């Protein structure tokens, strides 16, 4: 009979505090454990993505305000950007980007290269030129031609105010939705791959630890245990991300704690399995002893029945012999010759 599967919340609670259920987790189908981990990472990724988009929205709003108040009059005409300034404008907005260089004058390639070298000194930066924008994302440099952007997004000539209007209201909301969807997909893939790699690593560590403790557990079972053992570290990591976003609080050795908590759970699970096997071994010994006792009792009963049967047969034979002897004596008396007067 198939037992009712626990709810997702109960699985989380059991993974955190019910070590005695870890032996049961080790024998469940791998697909069921993987499904649990995927759901956990979906929740984790959703919260992290929401926090990231919220922080991006703050930076974008700050950037828009900065653009309104600090950037000179600017126009986008015939796929060219024109800024009302003959000198380059260097901005350290401390929002999405660490540095922004704006220069829409006609520039030689040597000057553009000089701007790139200056921008590369920062983790993130952008160089806004007359016909293109060069963005340093930290992972690499990306160059966008205004003509390509205009064709993709169907942009026409725009004034500064029209640019501000375009990047506010509904368009800004759609931008946030797009950022959320793209970030969620990529972060989910990245986090899921990462946690699966962690499960593999802790599975290997648990398997070796089991051998040291003279407990041979199947490798796939150790991976399943590792997936459940990662539950608390994942939730602690999520809590840490939330606290860090709200209070800008940083734990220096959080990664060490992440590894330590997981390993503690792995060890606890192994010891629980060993204890469970010892308990089952003791119960099996009792069952074997009981079976031996019952077997001996049955053999004794059979022996007694056999003896009683033999005794019954012996008595029947003796009785039969007595009856046979009595008949022979009667026959002798009947067949003997008369004596005396009756002769």
Foldseek 3Di string as FASTA:
>chain_A
DDDDDDDLVVLLVCLVPVLLCLVVLLPDDPVVLLVSLLVLLLVLLLLLLVLVLVLLVVLVVLVLVCLVPPFAKWKQAPQWIDGPDQDWDWDCSVGQFRIEIEHADDDDPVVVVVVVVVRVVGQWYWYHYTFWIWIRNNVGIDIGGSVVVCVVVVDHIDISVRVSVCCDDPNVVVVSVVSSVVSSVVSSVVVSVVLLVQLLVQLVVLQVVCVVVVHHDDSSSSSSQLSSLLSVLSVVVSVVSVCCSVVVDDDPPSVVVSVVSSNVSSVSSSVSVVVVVVVVVVVVVVVVVVVVVVVVVVVVVVVVVVVVVVVVVVVVVVVVVVVVVVVVVVVCVVPDDDDDPVD
